[in-house]
């Protein structure tokens, strides 16, 4: 008699566990497919000869009013030094992580 109670309680738990496992496997498959699509997406520019320059204007001692001119000088220097045809400044918010080397 005691074994019957366990069997009736265990069966729905196994079914729920299998159902949850199937949902997680499908979600993982969709995640991988989405990530693959994002990696292979055309960004509209050639990613290979890309140069990223990080400038922290706060540590250069440059006044806030002169920072725009500093960024323009850096963009011009990068464009002329690397035979680039175009440069595009981007502002990235500081984060706690160090910039990649």
N, C-alpha and C. Protein backbone atom coordinates (compact mmCIF):
# COMPACT_ATOMS: atom_id res chain seq x y z
N UNK A 1 0.81 -1.19 0.00
CA UNK A 1 0.00 0.00 0.00
C UNK A 1 0.86 1.26 0.00
N UNK A 2 1.94 1.23 0.76
CA UNK A 2 2.78 2.42 0.83
C UNK A 2 3.47 2.65 -0.50
N UNK A 3 3.79 1.60 -1.24
CA UNK A 3 4.47 1.74 -2.53
C UNK A 3 3.57 2.38 -3.58
N UNK A 4 2.25 2.19 -3.47
CA UNK A 4 1.33 2.77 -4.44
C UNK A 4 1.33 4.29 -4.38
N UNK A 5 1.43 4.87 -3.21
CA UNK A 5 1.44 6.33 -3.05
C UNK A 5 2.66 6.94 -3.72
N UNK A 6 3.79 6.26 -3.59
CA UNK A 6 5.01 6.78 -4.22
C UNK A 6 4.92 6.69 -5.74
N UNK A 7 4.36 5.62 -6.22
CA UNK A 7 4.26 5.43 -7.66
C UNK A 7 3.33 6.46 -8.29
N UNK A 8 2.24 6.77 -7.64
CA UNK A 8 1.30 7.75 -8.20
C UNK A 8 1.86 9.16 -8.11
N UNK A 9 2.69 9.44 -7.11
CA UNK A 9 3.30 10.74 -6.99
C UNK A 9 4.50 10.87 -7.93
N UNK A 10 5.24 9.81 -8.14
CA UNK A 10 6.45 9.84 -8.96
C UNK A 10 6.17 9.95 -10.44
N UNK A 11 5.12 9.36 -10.92
CA UNK A 11 4.82 9.36 -12.34
C UNK A 11 4.58 10.78 -12.89
N UNK A 12 3.78 11.61 -12.27
CA UNK A 12 3.61 12.97 -12.79
C UNK A 12 4.90 13.80 -12.70
N UNK A 13 5.73 13.54 -11.69
CA UNK A 13 6.99 14.25 -11.58
C UNK A 13 7.94 13.89 -12.72
N UNK A 14 7.96 12.63 -13.10
CA UNK A 14 8.80 12.20 -14.23
C UNK A 14 8.30 12.84 -15.52
N UNK A 15 7.01 12.86 -15.71
CA UNK A 15 6.43 13.48 -16.90
C UNK A 15 6.76 14.97 -16.94
N UNK A 16 6.64 15.64 -15.81
CA UNK A 16 6.97 17.06 -15.75
C UNK A 16 8.45 17.30 -16.03
N UNK A 17 9.30 16.43 -15.50
CA UNK A 17 10.74 16.58 -15.72
C UNK A 17 11.08 16.38 -17.20
N UNK A 18 10.51 15.39 -17.84
CA UNK A 18 10.75 15.15 -19.26
C UNK A 18 10.23 16.33 -20.09
N UNK A 19 9.06 16.83 -19.75
CA UNK A 19 8.50 17.97 -20.48
C UNK A 19 9.39 19.20 -20.33
N UNK A 20 9.86 19.47 -19.13
CA UNK A 20 10.75 20.60 -18.90
C UNK A 20 12.07 20.42 -19.64
N UNK A 21 12.59 19.21 -19.67
CA UNK A 21 13.82 18.94 -20.41
C UNK A 21 13.64 19.20 -21.90
N UNK A 22 12.53 18.80 -22.46
CA UNK A 22 12.27 19.04 -23.87
C UNK A 22 12.15 20.54 -24.16
N UNK A 23 11.50 21.28 -23.28
CA UNK A 23 11.39 22.73 -23.46
C UNK A 23 12.79 23.37 -23.42
N UNK A 24 13.64 22.94 -22.51
CA UNK A 24 14.99 23.50 -22.41
C UNK A 24 15.83 23.15 -23.63
N UNK A 25 15.68 21.95 -24.17
CA UNK A 25 16.44 21.55 -25.36
C UNK A 25 15.99 22.40 -26.56
N UNK A 26 14.70 22.61 -26.72
CA UNK A 26 14.20 23.44 -27.82
C UNK A 26 14.67 24.88 -27.65
N UNK A 27 14.63 25.41 -26.44
CA UNK A 27 15.10 26.78 -26.19
C UNK A 27 16.59 26.90 -26.49
N UNK A 28 17.37 25.91 -26.13
CA UNK A 28 18.81 25.95 -26.42
C UNK A 28 19.05 25.92 -27.92
N UNK A 29 18.30 25.12 -28.64
CA UNK A 29 18.42 25.08 -30.10
C UNK A 29 18.09 26.41 -30.73
N UNK A 30 17.03 27.05 -30.26
CA UNK A 30 16.66 28.37 -30.78
C UNK A 30 17.73 29.41 -30.45
N UNK A 31 18.32 29.32 -29.27
CA UNK A 31 19.39 30.24 -28.88
C UNK A 31 20.59 30.09 -29.79
N UNK A 32 20.99 28.86 -30.07
CA UNK A 32 22.14 28.61 -30.95
C UNK A 32 21.85 29.11 -32.35
N UNK A 33 20.65 28.88 -32.84
CA UNK A 33 20.29 29.34 -34.18
C UNK A 33 20.31 30.87 -34.26
N UNK A 34 19.79 31.54 -33.25
CA UNK A 34 19.79 33.00 -33.22
C UNK A 34 21.21 33.54 -33.15
N UNK A 35 22.05 32.94 -32.32
CA UNK A 35 23.43 33.38 -32.21
C UNK A 35 24.17 33.19 -33.52
N UNK A 36 23.96 32.07 -34.19
CA UNK A 36 24.60 31.82 -35.48
C UNK A 36 24.15 32.84 -36.51
N UNK A 37 22.88 33.17 -36.51
CA UNK A 37 22.36 34.17 -37.44
C UNK A 37 23.00 35.54 -37.18
N UNK A 38 23.15 35.91 -35.92
CA UNK A 38 23.75 37.20 -35.59
C UNK A 38 25.23 37.25 -35.96
N UNK A 39 25.94 36.16 -35.79
CA UNK A 39 27.37 36.12 -36.12
C UNK A 39 27.56 36.26 -37.63
N UNK A 40 26.70 35.66 -38.41
CA UNK A 40 26.85 35.66 -39.86
C UNK A 40 26.14 36.82 -40.55
N UNK A 41 25.53 37.70 -39.79
CA UNK A 41 24.77 38.81 -40.37
C UNK A 41 25.70 39.83 -41.02
N UNK A 42 25.29 40.36 -42.17
CA UNK A 42 26.05 41.39 -42.86
C UNK A 42 25.89 42.71 -42.11
N UNK A 43 27.02 43.26 -41.65
CA UNK A 43 26.97 44.49 -40.87
C UNK A 43 27.03 45.74 -41.73
N UNK A 44 27.25 45.59 -43.03
CA UNK A 44 27.31 46.74 -43.92
C UNK A 44 28.71 47.29 -44.11
N UNK A 45 29.70 46.66 -43.50
CA UNK A 45 31.08 47.06 -43.70
C UNK A 45 31.97 45.84 -43.55
N UNK A 46 33.19 45.96 -44.07
CA UNK A 46 34.14 44.86 -43.99
C UNK A 46 34.74 44.83 -42.59
N UNK A 47 34.55 43.74 -41.86
CA UNK A 47 35.00 43.66 -40.48
C UNK A 47 36.48 43.34 -40.35
N UNK A 48 37.10 42.84 -41.39
CA UNK A 48 38.49 42.38 -41.26
C UNK A 48 39.50 43.50 -41.01
N UNK A 49 39.57 44.53 -41.86
CA UNK A 49 40.60 45.55 -41.62
C UNK A 49 40.11 46.64 -40.68
N UNK A 50 39.54 46.27 -39.56
CA UNK A 50 38.95 47.22 -38.64
C UNK A 50 39.94 47.54 -37.53
N UNK A 51 40.16 48.82 -37.29
CA UNK A 51 41.05 49.28 -36.23
C UNK A 51 40.21 49.99 -35.19
N UNK A 52 40.35 49.58 -33.95
CA UNK A 52 39.61 50.20 -32.86
C UNK A 52 40.60 50.92 -31.97
N UNK A 53 40.39 52.20 -31.77
CA UNK A 53 41.26 53.02 -30.93
C UNK A 53 40.45 53.51 -29.75
N UNK A 54 40.97 53.31 -28.57
CA UNK A 54 40.28 53.75 -27.37
C UNK A 54 41.01 54.97 -26.80
N UNK A 55 40.28 56.04 -26.57
CA UNK A 55 40.84 57.25 -26.00
C UNK A 55 40.02 57.62 -24.78
N UNK A 56 40.69 57.73 -23.65
CA UNK A 56 40.03 58.17 -22.42
C UNK A 56 40.41 59.63 -22.21
N UNK A 57 39.54 60.53 -22.64
CA UNK A 57 39.85 61.96 -22.58
C UNK A 57 39.95 62.46 -21.16
N UNK A 58 39.35 61.76 -20.24
CA UNK A 58 39.42 62.19 -18.84
C UNK A 58 40.81 62.06 -18.25
N UNK A 59 41.59 61.09 -18.71
CA UNK A 59 42.94 60.89 -18.18
C UNK A 59 44.00 61.63 -18.96
N UNK A 60 43.64 62.27 -20.06
CA UNK A 60 44.64 62.99 -20.85
C UNK A 60 44.87 64.40 -20.34
N UNK A 61 44.07 64.85 -19.41
CA UNK A 61 44.21 66.21 -18.90
C UNK A 61 43.57 67.24 -19.80
N UNK A 62 42.80 66.79 -20.77
CA UNK A 62 42.14 67.70 -21.71
C UNK A 62 40.89 68.28 -21.06
N UNK A 63 40.71 69.57 -21.23
CA UNK A 63 39.51 70.23 -20.71
C UNK A 63 38.28 69.70 -21.46
N UNK A 64 37.14 69.76 -20.80
CA UNK A 64 35.91 69.25 -21.40
C UNK A 64 35.57 69.97 -22.70
N UNK A 65 35.87 71.24 -22.79
CA UNK A 65 35.55 72.01 -23.99
C UNK A 65 36.46 71.64 -25.17
N UNK A 66 37.63 71.06 -24.89
CA UNK A 66 38.59 70.71 -25.95
C UNK A 66 38.52 69.25 -26.36
N UNK A 67 37.66 68.48 -25.74
CA UNK A 67 37.62 67.03 -26.02
C UNK A 67 37.13 66.71 -27.42
N UNK A 68 36.19 67.47 -27.94
CA UNK A 68 35.71 67.22 -29.31
C UNK A 68 36.85 67.39 -30.30
N UNK A 69 37.65 68.43 -30.11
CA UNK A 69 38.80 68.65 -30.99
C UNK A 69 39.82 67.52 -30.84
N UNK A 70 40.01 67.02 -29.62
CA UNK A 70 40.92 65.89 -29.40
C UNK A 70 40.47 64.67 -30.18
N UNK A 71 39.18 64.36 -30.12
CA UNK A 71 38.67 63.19 -30.83
C UNK A 71 38.81 63.36 -32.34
N UNK A 72 38.61 64.56 -32.84
CA UNK A 72 38.79 64.81 -34.28
C UNK A 72 40.25 64.64 -34.68
N UNK A 73 41.19 65.11 -33.85
CA UNK A 73 42.62 64.93 -34.15
C UNK A 73 43.00 63.45 -34.15
N UNK A 74 42.45 62.69 -33.20
CA UNK A 74 42.74 61.25 -33.16
C UNK A 74 42.18 60.58 -34.41
N UNK A 75 40.97 60.91 -34.81
CA UNK A 75 40.36 60.32 -36.00
C UNK A 75 41.17 60.66 -37.25
N UNK A 76 41.65 61.89 -37.36
CA UNK A 76 42.46 62.28 -38.51
C UNK A 76 43.80 61.55 -38.50
N UNK A 77 44.41 61.40 -37.32
CA UNK A 77 45.69 60.70 -37.23
C UNK A 77 45.55 59.22 -37.61
N UNK A 78 44.48 58.60 -37.16
CA UNK A 78 44.26 57.19 -37.49
C UNK A 78 44.01 57.03 -38.98
N UNK A 79 43.22 57.93 -39.55
CA UNK A 79 42.91 57.85 -40.97
C UNK A 79 44.18 58.01 -41.80
N UNK A 80 45.02 58.96 -41.46
CA UNK A 80 46.23 59.20 -42.26
C UNK A 80 47.31 58.14 -42.01
N UNK A 81 47.42 57.62 -40.81
CA UNK A 81 48.48 56.66 -40.49
C UNK A 81 48.23 55.29 -41.09
N UNK A 82 47.01 54.90 -41.26
CA UNK A 82 46.70 53.55 -41.71
C UNK A 82 46.14 53.52 -43.13
N UNK A 83 46.35 54.58 -43.88
CA UNK A 83 45.88 54.64 -45.27
C UNK A 83 44.39 54.31 -45.36
N UNK A 84 43.66 54.74 -44.40
CA UNK A 84 42.23 54.48 -44.36
C UNK A 84 41.50 55.51 -45.21
N UNK A 85 40.40 55.12 -45.76
CA UNK A 85 39.60 56.05 -46.54
C UNK A 85 38.52 56.71 -45.70
N UNK A 86 38.26 56.15 -44.53
CA UNK A 86 37.18 56.68 -43.71
C UNK A 86 37.43 56.32 -42.26
N UNK A 87 36.99 57.18 -41.39
CA UNK A 87 37.01 56.87 -39.96
C UNK A 87 35.68 57.29 -39.38
N UNK A 88 35.27 56.59 -38.37
CA UNK A 88 33.97 56.87 -37.77
C UNK A 88 34.12 56.85 -36.26
N UNK A 89 33.97 58.00 -35.61
CA UNK A 89 34.06 58.00 -34.15
C UNK A 89 32.82 57.39 -33.54
N UNK A 90 33.03 56.71 -32.43
CA UNK A 90 31.92 56.13 -31.68
C UNK A 90 32.16 56.40 -30.21
N UNK A 91 31.12 56.70 -29.51
CA UNK A 91 31.25 56.95 -28.08
C UNK A 91 30.73 55.73 -27.35
N UNK A 92 31.58 55.22 -26.47
CA UNK A 92 31.22 54.05 -25.69
C UNK A 92 31.25 54.46 -24.23
N UNK A 93 30.24 54.09 -23.51
CA UNK A 93 30.20 54.42 -22.09
C UNK A 93 31.25 53.62 -21.34
N UNK A 94 31.86 54.22 -20.34
CA UNK A 94 32.85 53.48 -19.56
C UNK A 94 32.20 52.31 -18.84
N UNK A 95 32.94 51.25 -18.71
CA UNK A 95 32.44 50.09 -18.00
C UNK A 95 33.49 49.69 -16.97
N UNK A 96 33.14 48.76 -16.13
CA UNK A 96 34.08 48.32 -15.12
C UNK A 96 35.12 47.38 -15.70
N UNK A 97 34.84 46.82 -16.85
CA UNK A 97 35.79 45.89 -17.48
C UNK A 97 36.88 46.68 -18.22
N UNK A 98 38.12 46.21 -18.17
CA UNK A 98 39.18 46.89 -18.91
C UNK A 98 39.01 46.69 -20.39
N UNK A 99 39.48 47.63 -21.22
CA UNK A 99 39.35 47.46 -22.67
C UNK A 99 40.18 46.30 -23.16
N UNK A 100 39.75 45.63 -24.25
CA UNK A 100 40.53 44.51 -24.78
C UNK A 100 41.86 44.99 -25.34
N UNK A 101 42.86 44.14 -25.22
CA UNK A 101 44.19 44.49 -25.71
C UNK A 101 44.32 44.25 -27.19
